[in-house]
Each structure stands twice: as C-alpha cells, then as structure tokens.
Amino acid sequence: MGKYDNLVSQMYKQGLEPDQVKSKYYNKILFMDDTTMKGSPYVEVVWYFQPYDLGKNSHVHSWDEFLGFMGTDPDDPMNLHARIRMEIEDEVMYIDKSSLVWIPAGLHHSIFAVEEIDRPILHFSGGPNAVYEKTGNTLGEKWWIPKGDK
C-alpha cells in the first residue's frame, strides 16, 4: 500500500447497482467528489455509445461547472461523430465537434442529450467541491445534482 493510494480513484461510485453504472446507452467509468475522496472536486467520466435523452431537466448550480465531449476517432479527433443538444438559458445549442463547455454559476442549463451517435464518445464533467445526491428525472433513471441546488 502506498502512502498516497487514497488520492487515486479507479471506479465510479461504490454501492451503486450495476444498472446505475452501465446501460445500453452509457458506461460510467470514473467519479470523485467530496464523498468519495475527501476534499476533491467533482469529476465524472462516462462513455456514451447510444442516443440518450433524459428530457429537458433544466437546473442551475451555485457553482461553476464544465462539460467535455471528446470524439474517439484518432484520425479525426475533433469530429465528435455525434450530435449533442443542450439548452443554456433559453438558447438551444448543438455540438458536433470535440468540445469543452463552461457553465458559470447561476446559469440555467439543461442536461445534455445525445441525439445522434455514430461511434462512442467520451464525456466528462466537473466543478469545485460538491456533494452529490441522487434525484429522479422524467425517465426514472438516476442523475446527480449537488445538495441544495435545483
């Protein structure tokens, strides 16, 4: 055992049912926040391989958040080979290239939808320290929001 092993996360979240980590749409790979690694920022990494839409689910955070979408074609890494839809305030945006999206604190935004996908994409998101809790959505699946945010 190394002195700093506690600083390495090599799983999603302990205690989740298998269908909460892997489905026909995604495979949740890595996750950390203050509950899994004391003092760490929130970071999540997920592979998406099928269209996936949780509905509008507009929400706002009291903290800044970033979203990343990475294409997996090594010969054309900027081509997402997918179409992502999300709303920021009242504007619908579409993403079809590898991208980083910055969501400043207080800005209403939707959960993104994977409308089309031709090959897997790697998605990651993060923000400053946040403790997450499970909340339902229109499909009855689980997603994460910080305690106190809506």
N, C-alpha and C. Protein backbone atom coordinates (compact mmCIF):
# COMPACT_ATOMS: atom_id res chain seq x y z
N MET A 1 0.84 -1.19 0.00
CA MET A 1 0.00 0.00 0.00
C MET A 1 0.88 1.24 0.00
N GLY A 2 0.62 2.14 -0.92
CA GLY A 2 1.38 3.37 -0.99
C GLY A 2 0.79 4.45 -0.11
N LYS A 3 1.61 5.38 0.25
CA LYS A 3 1.22 6.48 1.12
C LYS A 3 0.08 7.32 0.50
N TYR A 4 0.02 7.44 -0.82
CA TYR A 4 -0.95 8.32 -1.48
C TYR A 4 -2.02 7.56 -2.28
N ASP A 5 -2.20 6.27 -1.99
CA ASP A 5 -3.22 5.48 -2.68
C ASP A 5 -4.61 6.11 -2.54
N ASN A 6 -4.86 6.78 -1.44
CA ASN A 6 -6.18 7.39 -1.21
C ASN A 6 -6.46 8.56 -2.16
N LEU A 7 -5.48 8.97 -2.93
CA LEU A 7 -5.65 10.08 -3.88
C LEU A 7 -5.96 9.59 -5.30
N VAL A 8 -6.13 8.28 -5.46
CA VAL A 8 -6.40 7.71 -6.77
C VAL A 8 -7.78 7.06 -6.77
N SER A 9 -8.61 7.45 -7.74
CA SER A 9 -9.92 6.83 -7.92
C SER A 9 -9.89 5.98 -9.17
N GLN A 10 -10.27 4.70 -9.05
CA GLN A 10 -10.28 3.79 -10.19
C GLN A 10 -11.62 3.09 -10.33
N MET A 11 -12.70 3.79 -9.94
CA MET A 11 -14.05 3.23 -10.07
C MET A 11 -15.06 4.36 -10.13
N TYR A 12 -16.29 4.02 -10.42
CA TYR A 12 -17.33 5.04 -10.40
C TYR A 12 -17.68 5.32 -8.95
N LYS A 13 -18.78 4.88 -8.44
CA LYS A 13 -19.11 5.08 -7.03
C LYS A 13 -19.44 3.73 -6.41
N GLN A 14 -18.93 3.50 -5.23
CA GLN A 14 -19.25 2.26 -4.53
C GLN A 14 -20.72 2.25 -4.13
N GLY A 15 -21.31 1.07 -4.09
CA GLY A 15 -22.66 0.92 -3.59
C GLY A 15 -23.76 1.10 -4.63
N LEU A 16 -23.41 1.42 -5.86
CA LEU A 16 -24.43 1.58 -6.90
C LEU A 16 -24.78 0.22 -7.49
N GLU A 17 -26.02 0.08 -7.90
CA GLU A 17 -26.45 -1.13 -8.59
C GLU A 17 -25.79 -1.14 -9.98
N PRO A 18 -25.51 -2.32 -10.53
CA PRO A 18 -24.87 -2.38 -11.85
C PRO A 18 -25.59 -1.59 -12.93
N ASP A 19 -26.94 -1.56 -12.92
CA ASP A 19 -27.67 -0.81 -13.95
C ASP A 19 -27.59 0.69 -13.76
N GLN A 20 -27.07 1.15 -12.62
CA GLN A 20 -26.84 2.57 -12.42
C GLN A 20 -25.48 3.00 -12.97
N VAL A 21 -24.63 2.05 -13.28
CA VAL A 21 -23.28 2.34 -13.78
C VAL A 21 -23.17 2.02 -15.27
N LYS A 22 -23.87 0.99 -15.72
CA LYS A 22 -23.77 0.60 -17.12
C LYS A 22 -25.16 0.31 -17.66
N SER A 23 -25.45 0.84 -18.85
CA SER A 23 -26.72 0.59 -19.51
C SER A 23 -26.45 0.42 -21.00
N LYS A 24 -27.50 0.28 -21.79
CA LYS A 24 -27.30 0.17 -23.24
C LYS A 24 -26.88 1.50 -23.84
N TYR A 25 -26.99 2.61 -23.07
CA TYR A 25 -26.63 3.95 -23.54
C TYR A 25 -25.23 4.38 -23.16
N TYR A 26 -24.77 3.98 -21.98
CA TYR A 26 -23.53 4.52 -21.43
C TYR A 26 -22.84 3.51 -20.53
N ASN A 27 -21.59 3.84 -20.21
CA ASN A 27 -20.83 3.12 -19.19
C ASN A 27 -20.13 4.18 -18.36
N LYS A 28 -20.56 4.35 -17.12
CA LYS A 28 -19.96 5.34 -16.22
C LYS A 28 -18.64 4.77 -15.72
N ILE A 29 -17.55 5.47 -15.99
CA ILE A 29 -16.22 4.93 -15.74
C ILE A 29 -15.62 5.41 -14.41
N LEU A 30 -15.51 6.71 -14.24
CA LEU A 30 -14.84 7.25 -13.05
C LEU A 30 -15.67 8.37 -12.44
N PHE A 31 -15.56 8.52 -11.13
CA PHE A 31 -16.27 9.58 -10.42
C PHE A 31 -15.50 9.88 -9.14
N MET A 32 -15.44 11.17 -8.82
CA MET A 32 -14.95 11.54 -7.50
C MET A 32 -15.63 12.84 -7.10
N ASP A 33 -15.86 12.98 -5.83
CA ASP A 33 -16.31 14.22 -5.23
C ASP A 33 -15.93 14.15 -3.76
N ASP A 34 -16.40 15.07 -2.98
CA ASP A 34 -16.02 15.13 -1.57
C ASP A 34 -16.47 13.88 -0.80
N THR A 35 -17.49 13.16 -1.28
CA THR A 35 -17.94 11.96 -0.58
C THR A 35 -17.08 10.74 -0.89
N THR A 36 -16.43 10.73 -2.05
CA THR A 36 -15.61 9.57 -2.42
C THR A 36 -14.13 9.80 -2.16
N MET A 37 -13.72 11.06 -2.13
CA MET A 37 -12.32 11.41 -1.89
C MET A 37 -12.32 12.77 -1.19
N LYS A 38 -12.22 12.78 0.10
CA LYS A 38 -12.38 13.99 0.91
C LYS A 38 -11.55 15.15 0.36
N GLY A 39 -12.26 16.27 0.10
CA GLY A 39 -11.61 17.49 -0.36
C GLY A 39 -11.45 17.61 -1.86
N SER A 40 -11.81 16.55 -2.60
CA SER A 40 -11.61 16.61 -4.05
C SER A 40 -12.71 17.40 -4.74
N PRO A 41 -12.44 17.88 -5.95
CA PRO A 41 -13.52 18.48 -6.75
C PRO A 41 -14.38 17.36 -7.33
N TYR A 42 -15.54 17.75 -7.86
CA TYR A 42 -16.40 16.79 -8.55
C TYR A 42 -15.88 16.58 -9.97
N VAL A 43 -15.69 15.31 -10.35
CA VAL A 43 -15.30 14.94 -11.71
C VAL A 43 -16.02 13.63 -12.03
N GLU A 44 -16.60 13.56 -13.24
CA GLU A 44 -17.27 12.34 -13.70
C GLU A 44 -16.81 12.06 -15.13
N VAL A 45 -16.59 10.77 -15.46
CA VAL A 45 -16.18 10.36 -16.79
C VAL A 45 -17.10 9.22 -17.24
N VAL A 46 -17.70 9.39 -18.44
CA VAL A 46 -18.69 8.43 -18.93
C VAL A 46 -18.49 8.20 -20.43
N TRP A 47 -18.54 6.94 -20.86
CA TRP A 47 -18.60 6.60 -22.28
C TRP A 47 -20.07 6.58 -22.69
N TYR A 48 -20.40 7.22 -23.81
CA TYR A 48 -21.74 7.12 -24.40
C TYR A 48 -21.62 6.40 -25.73
N PHE A 49 -22.55 5.47 -26.01
CA PHE A 49 -22.49 4.74 -27.27
C PHE A 49 -23.84 4.56 -27.93
N GLN A 50 -24.91 5.12 -27.38
CA GLN A 50 -26.24 5.10 -27.98
C GLN A 50 -26.89 6.46 -27.75
N PRO A 51 -27.85 6.86 -28.59
CA PRO A 51 -28.59 8.10 -28.30
C PRO A 51 -29.19 8.02 -26.89
N TYR A 52 -29.19 9.15 -26.20
CA TYR A 52 -29.60 9.18 -24.79
C TYR A 52 -30.19 10.54 -24.48
N ASP A 53 -31.42 10.57 -23.97
CA ASP A 53 -32.11 11.83 -23.70
C ASP A 53 -32.93 11.71 -22.44
N LEU A 54 -32.60 12.49 -21.43
CA LEU A 54 -33.33 12.49 -20.16
C LEU A 54 -34.46 13.50 -20.14
N GLY A 55 -34.72 14.17 -21.25
CA GLY A 55 -35.71 15.23 -21.24
C GLY A 55 -35.06 16.54 -20.85
N LYS A 56 -35.86 17.55 -20.70
CA LYS A 56 -35.35 18.91 -20.51
C LYS A 56 -34.52 19.05 -19.23
N ASN A 57 -35.06 18.69 -18.10
CA ASN A 57 -34.34 18.72 -16.82
C ASN A 57 -33.48 19.97 -16.63
N SER A 58 -34.07 21.13 -16.83
CA SER A 58 -33.35 22.39 -16.63
C SER A 58 -33.04 22.57 -15.14
N HIS A 59 -31.84 23.05 -14.87
CA HIS A 59 -31.43 23.25 -13.48
C HIS A 59 -30.36 24.34 -13.44
N VAL A 60 -29.98 24.72 -12.24
CA VAL A 60 -28.96 25.74 -12.03
C VAL A 60 -28.10 25.32 -10.84
N HIS A 61 -26.84 25.69 -10.88
CA HIS A 61 -25.93 25.39 -9.77
C HIS A 61 -25.45 26.69 -9.13
N SER A 62 -25.07 26.61 -7.89
CA SER A 62 -24.47 27.75 -7.20
C SER A 62 -22.96 27.78 -7.42
N TRP A 63 -22.46 26.90 -8.26
CA TRP A 63 -21.04 26.78 -8.55
C TRP A 63 -20.83 26.60 -10.06
N ASP A 64 -19.62 26.90 -10.53
CA ASP A 64 -19.26 26.73 -11.93
C ASP A 64 -19.14 25.25 -12.27
N GLU A 65 -19.47 24.91 -13.51
CA GLU A 65 -19.38 23.53 -13.98
C GLU A 65 -18.76 23.52 -15.38
N PHE A 66 -18.03 22.47 -15.71
CA PHE A 66 -17.56 22.30 -17.08
C PHE A 66 -18.03 20.95 -17.60
N LEU A 67 -18.27 20.88 -18.90
CA LEU A 67 -18.64 19.65 -19.59
C LEU A 67 -17.67 19.44 -20.74
N GLY A 68 -17.27 18.22 -20.96
CA GLY A 68 -16.39 17.90 -22.07
C GLY A 68 -16.97 16.77 -22.91
N PHE A 69 -16.82 16.89 -24.21
CA PHE A 69 -17.27 15.87 -25.15
C PHE A 69 -16.11 15.59 -26.10
N MET A 70 -15.62 14.36 -26.12
CA MET A 70 -14.45 14.01 -26.91
C MET A 70 -14.79 12.93 -27.93
N GLY A 71 -14.46 13.20 -29.19
CA GLY A 71 -14.59 12.19 -30.23
C GLY A 71 -13.52 11.12 -30.05
N THR A 72 -13.77 9.94 -30.60
CA THR A 72 -12.85 8.82 -30.40
C THR A 72 -12.20 8.33 -31.69
N ASP A 73 -12.24 9.16 -32.73
CA ASP A 73 -11.60 8.80 -33.99
C ASP A 73 -10.17 9.37 -33.98
N PRO A 74 -9.15 8.53 -33.83
CA PRO A 74 -7.79 9.05 -33.74
C PRO A 74 -7.32 9.75 -35.02
N ASP A 75 -7.95 9.46 -36.15
CA ASP A 75 -7.60 10.11 -37.40
C ASP A 75 -8.33 11.43 -37.60
N ASP A 76 -9.35 11.69 -36.81
CA ASP A 76 -10.15 12.91 -36.90
C ASP A 76 -10.70 13.25 -35.51
N PRO A 77 -9.82 13.57 -34.55
CA PRO A 77 -10.25 13.69 -33.16
C PRO A 77 -11.23 14.83 -32.87
N MET A 78 -11.30 15.84 -33.73
CA MET A 78 -12.26 16.92 -33.50
C MET A 78 -13.67 16.56 -33.94
N ASN A 79 -13.81 15.53 -34.77
CA ASN A 79 -15.12 15.08 -35.22
C ASN A 79 -15.74 14.24 -34.10
N LEU A 80 -16.83 14.71 -33.52
CA LEU A 80 -17.47 14.01 -32.41
C LEU A 80 -18.16 12.74 -32.89
N HIS A 81 -18.54 12.68 -34.16
CA HIS A 81 -19.32 11.56 -34.67
C HIS A 81 -20.59 11.38 -33.85
N ALA A 82 -21.11 12.51 -33.37
CA ALA A 82 -22.33 12.53 -32.56
C ALA A 82 -22.90 13.95 -32.61
N ARG A 83 -24.13 14.06 -32.18
CA ARG A 83 -24.77 15.38 -32.08
C ARG A 83 -25.34 15.48 -30.67
N ILE A 84 -24.85 16.47 -29.95
CA ILE A 84 -25.29 16.74 -28.57
C ILE A 84 -26.20 17.96 -28.59
N ARG A 85 -27.31 17.88 -27.89
CA ARG A 85 -28.20 19.03 -27.74
C ARG A 85 -28.27 19.41 -26.27
N MET A 86 -28.15 20.71 -26.02
CA MET A 86 -28.37 21.20 -24.66
C MET A 86 -28.90 22.62 -24.73
N GLU A 87 -29.51 23.05 -23.66
CA GLU A 87 -30.02 24.41 -23.58
C GLU A 87 -29.26 25.16 -22.49
N ILE A 88 -28.89 26.38 -22.83
CA ILE A 88 -28.32 27.30 -21.85
C ILE A 88 -29.23 28.51 -21.83
N GLU A 89 -29.82 28.76 -20.66
CA GLU A 89 -30.89 29.74 -20.53
C GLU A 89 -31.98 29.39 -21.54
N ASP A 90 -32.32 30.26 -22.48
CA ASP A 90 -33.40 29.96 -23.43
C ASP A 90 -32.87 29.63 -24.83
N GLU A 91 -31.57 29.36 -24.94
CA GLU A 91 -30.97 29.06 -26.24
C GLU A 91 -30.62 27.58 -26.36
N VAL A 92 -31.08 26.95 -27.43
CA VAL A 92 -30.72 25.56 -27.71
C VAL A 92 -29.42 25.57 -28.49
N MET A 93 -28.48 24.73 -28.08
CA MET A 93 -27.21 24.64 -28.81
C MET A 93 -26.97 23.18 -29.20
N TYR A 94 -26.25 23.02 -30.30
CA TYR A 94 -25.90 21.70 -30.81
C TYR A 94 -24.38 21.61 -30.92
N ILE A 95 -23.85 20.47 -30.50
CA ILE A 95 -22.41 20.26 -30.52
C ILE A 95 -22.13 19.02 -31.35
N ASP A 96 -21.25 19.15 -32.36
CA ASP A 96 -20.88 18.00 -33.17
C ASP A 96 -19.36 17.88 -33.35
N LYS A 97 -18.61 18.65 -32.57
CA LYS A 97 -17.15 18.58 -32.56
C LYS A 97 -16.69 18.35 -31.12
N SER A 98 -15.52 17.77 -30.94
CA SER A 98 -14.96 17.65 -29.59
C SER A 98 -14.95 19.04 -28.97
N SER A 99 -15.48 19.16 -27.76
CA SER A 99 -15.72 20.49 -27.17
C SER A 99 -15.61 20.47 -25.67
N LEU A 100 -15.30 21.64 -25.13
CA LEU A 100 -15.44 21.93 -23.70
C LEU A 100 -16.50 23.00 -23.56
N VAL A 101 -17.39 22.85 -22.58
CA VAL A 101 -18.46 23.82 -22.33
C VAL A 101 -18.32 24.30 -20.90
N TRP A 102 -18.30 25.61 -20.71
CA TRP A 102 -18.20 26.24 -19.39
C TRP A 102 -19.59 26.74 -18.99
N ILE A 103 -20.09 26.33 -17.83
CA ILE A 103 -21.38 26.77 -17.32
C ILE A 103 -21.12 27.57 -16.05
N PRO A 104 -21.11 28.91 -16.12
CA PRO A 104 -20.88 29.72 -14.92
C PRO A 104 -21.99 29.52 -13.88
N ALA A 105 -21.65 29.69 -12.63
CA ALA A 105 -22.62 29.59 -11.53
C ALA A 105 -23.82 30.47 -11.82
N GLY A 106 -25.02 29.95 -11.52
CA GLY A 106 -26.24 30.72 -11.67
C GLY A 106 -26.87 30.69 -13.04
N LEU A 107 -26.23 30.05 -14.01
CA LEU A 107 -26.76 29.99 -15.38
C LEU A 107 -27.64 28.74 -15.53
N HIS A 108 -28.92 28.94 -15.85
CA HIS A 108 -29.82 27.80 -16.07
C HIS A 108 -29.38 27.04 -17.30
N HIS A 109 -29.37 25.70 -17.20
CA HIS A 109 -28.99 24.86 -18.32
C HIS A 109 -29.68 23.51 -18.19
N SER A 110 -29.79 22.84 -19.32
CA SER A 110 -30.41 21.52 -19.32
C SER A 110 -29.33 20.46 -19.17
N ILE A 111 -29.78 19.27 -18.87
CA ILE A 111 -28.91 18.11 -19.01
C ILE A 111 -28.81 17.86 -20.51
N PHE A 112 -27.64 17.53 -21.01
CA PHE A 112 -27.47 17.36 -22.44
C PHE A 112 -28.14 16.06 -22.92
N ALA A 113 -28.45 16.03 -24.20
CA ALA A 113 -28.99 14.84 -24.85
C ALA A 113 -28.04 14.43 -25.96
N VAL A 114 -27.80 13.15 -26.08
CA VAL A 114 -27.05 12.60 -27.21
C VAL A 114 -28.10 12.24 -28.26
N GLU A 115 -28.30 13.14 -29.24
CA GLU A 115 -29.35 12.92 -30.24
C GLU A 115 -28.96 11.89 -31.30
N GLU A 116 -27.73 11.96 -31.74
CA GLU A 116 -27.22 11.04 -32.76
C GLU A 116 -25.82 10.61 -32.33
N ILE A 117 -25.44 9.39 -32.69
CA ILE A 117 -24.09 8.95 -32.36
C ILE A 117 -23.69 7.82 -33.31
N ASP A 118 -22.53 8.00 -33.97
CA ASP A 118 -22.02 7.01 -34.92
C ASP A 118 -20.90 6.16 -34.34
N ARG A 119 -20.22 6.69 -33.34
CA ARG A 119 -19.18 5.93 -32.64
C ARG A 119 -19.11 6.46 -31.22
N PRO A 120 -18.59 5.68 -30.27
CA PRO A 120 -18.60 6.12 -28.87
C PRO A 120 -17.94 7.49 -28.68
N ILE A 121 -18.46 8.21 -27.69
CA ILE A 121 -17.84 9.48 -27.28
C ILE A 121 -17.51 9.39 -25.81
N LEU A 122 -16.48 10.11 -25.42
CA LEU A 122 -16.10 10.20 -24.02
C LEU A 122 -16.60 11.53 -23.49
N HIS A 123 -17.39 11.48 -22.43
CA HIS A 123 -17.93 12.69 -21.80
C HIS A 123 -17.32 12.81 -20.41
N PHE A 124 -16.97 14.02 -20.04
CA PHE A 124 -16.53 14.27 -18.67
C PHE A 124 -17.11 15.59 -18.21
N SER A 125 -17.28 15.70 -16.91
CA SER A 125 -17.81 16.94 -16.33
C SER A 125 -17.15 17.14 -14.98
N GLY A 126 -17.22 18.37 -14.48
CA GLY A 126 -16.62 18.63 -13.19
C GLY A 126 -16.92 20.03 -12.70
N GLY A 127 -16.52 20.25 -11.48
CA GLY A 127 -16.68 21.54 -10.83
C GLY A 127 -16.00 21.51 -9.48
N PRO A 128 -16.05 22.63 -8.76
CA PRO A 128 -15.41 22.66 -7.44
C PRO A 128 -16.10 21.70 -6.48
N ASN A 129 -15.53 21.55 -5.30
CA ASN A 129 -16.07 20.60 -4.32
C ASN A 129 -17.58 20.67 -4.28
N ALA A 130 -18.21 19.52 -4.38
CA ALA A 130 -19.66 19.41 -4.30
C ALA A 130 -20.00 18.02 -3.81
N VAL A 131 -21.00 17.93 -2.97
CA VAL A 131 -21.50 16.65 -2.52
C VAL A 131 -22.77 16.39 -3.32
N TYR A 132 -22.85 15.26 -3.96
CA TYR A 132 -23.97 14.95 -4.83
C TYR A 132 -24.95 14.00 -4.16
N GLU A 133 -26.22 14.13 -4.53
CA GLU A 133 -27.25 13.20 -4.08
C GLU A 133 -28.02 12.72 -5.31
N LYS A 134 -28.65 11.56 -5.20
CA LYS A 134 -29.43 11.01 -6.31
C LYS A 134 -30.77 11.72 -6.38
N THR A 135 -31.23 11.95 -7.60
CA THR A 135 -32.52 12.58 -7.83
C THR A 135 -33.14 11.92 -9.06
N GLY A 136 -34.44 11.79 -9.09
CA GLY A 136 -35.11 11.19 -10.24
C GLY A 136 -35.22 12.18 -11.39
N ASN A 137 -35.65 11.68 -12.54
CA ASN A 137 -35.90 12.52 -13.71
C ASN A 137 -37.05 11.91 -14.48
N THR A 138 -37.34 12.43 -15.63
CA THR A 138 -38.53 12.01 -16.38
C THR A 138 -38.47 10.56 -16.84
N LEU A 139 -37.28 9.97 -16.94
CA LEU A 139 -37.18 8.57 -17.35
C LEU A 139 -37.08 7.63 -16.16
N GLY A 140 -37.08 8.17 -14.95
CA GLY A 140 -36.97 7.33 -13.77
C GLY A 140 -35.57 6.83 -13.52
N GLU A 141 -34.59 7.32 -14.29
CA GLU A 141 -33.20 6.92 -14.08
C GLU A 141 -32.58 7.87 -13.06
N LYS A 142 -31.35 7.61 -12.70
CA LYS A 142 -30.68 8.42 -11.69
C LYS A 142 -29.70 9.37 -12.35
N TRP A 143 -29.62 10.58 -11.82
CA TRP A 143 -28.58 11.52 -12.20
C TRP A 143 -28.21 12.28 -10.95
N TRP A 144 -27.20 13.07 -11.01
CA TRP A 144 -26.63 13.67 -9.81
C TRP A 144 -26.75 15.18 -9.83
N ILE A 145 -27.21 15.75 -8.74
CA ILE A 145 -27.18 17.20 -8.55
C ILE A 145 -26.61 17.47 -7.17
N PRO A 146 -25.95 18.61 -6.99
CA PRO A 146 -25.42 18.92 -5.67
C PRO A 146 -26.55 19.16 -4.68
N LYS A 147 -26.34 18.77 -3.45
CA LYS A 147 -27.32 19.05 -2.42
C LYS A 147 -27.57 20.56 -2.36
N GLY A 148 -28.84 20.95 -2.32
CA GLY A 148 -29.18 22.35 -2.22
C GLY A 148 -29.40 23.02 -3.56
N ASP A 149 -28.93 22.44 -4.67
CA ASP A 149 -29.15 23.03 -5.99
C ASP A 149 -30.36 22.39 -6.63
N LYS A 150 -30.99 23.08 -7.59
CA LYS A 150 -32.16 22.57 -8.29
C LYS A 150 -31.93 22.66 -9.77
